[in-house]
């Protein structure tokens, strides 16, 4: 049996262990949260180095890939500083392959539900492939990086502006504590609605599930949510808010969809991948990931709530 372990700085309430048959191998998928404790996460990476077949970085990302440019986040990279033998991924490999199908799946299966093709992209730089898919499919888009990450009242509306913002701000913000930019630990359980006018305007709301559940209004009647890393509690929250369809970019296993980080780690574990993964100098890594996505016929899944 292969073992893919996601060590997350998020809430331990979302921990889960399950098994998946993948490429002829049984892979144990494990998600372990440290409730925002960065040092505990670093210790777990060190303890399981060489024991796990692949690591997923959960509740954070090692960096951001925008328009083929890799922006590392030093505040997160230090988590895995002691790892020497087990490959480490944060989901970027699936965000740039699997998640680029998001708009195509929505159009193909739910296009009849859309009157205006309006999308709120909660965080464009974190899920650039997903955001790019909606922008290039002709959606009117509000991109919320400045609003939801920094609290600034400025909506981004084009791919070019998103790229410019990334070039200007990520090299600076990559050095601030990650919890300033993204909810970790118990903060993931908080619900503080913000920028609700953009939620109401949009027909499709896409992005990181923690951002959506933290900032969404109580009424999302008829909306389509495109996200991943959902639990049964998340789906119930969306259902109570009136969400009509939930689109998860990773498969639903035992009632939840795992994060792209653990699913990418599972692919590496199943294939016996042992080399370090460097998103900044990927070689043909993304091409290999795309081949696996195609071979397994992975695609976003649509659920009616």
Foldseek 3Di string as FASTA:
>chain_A
DAEEEEEELAAQVLWDWDWDCAPNDIYIFTYGHDQNPLVVLLVVLLVCQVVHQAYEHHNDAQFWQAPNATQGQVLNVVSNVNRDWHAYHHLPLCLQALLLCVVVVCCVPPVVLDDQQEEEEQACRRSVSNVVSSQVVPHFYWYRQCCQQVVDPDTDGHSVVVVVCCVPPRNPVSHDNVCSGGPHRPSLVAADADPAVSLQPGQEYEDELSSCRRHYDLANANHEYEYFFDAQVSVVSCVSNRHFKYKYSADQDPHGGHDSRSVVRRVCRSVSPTDYADSNCHPCVSVVSNVSCVVVVRHIDMDTD
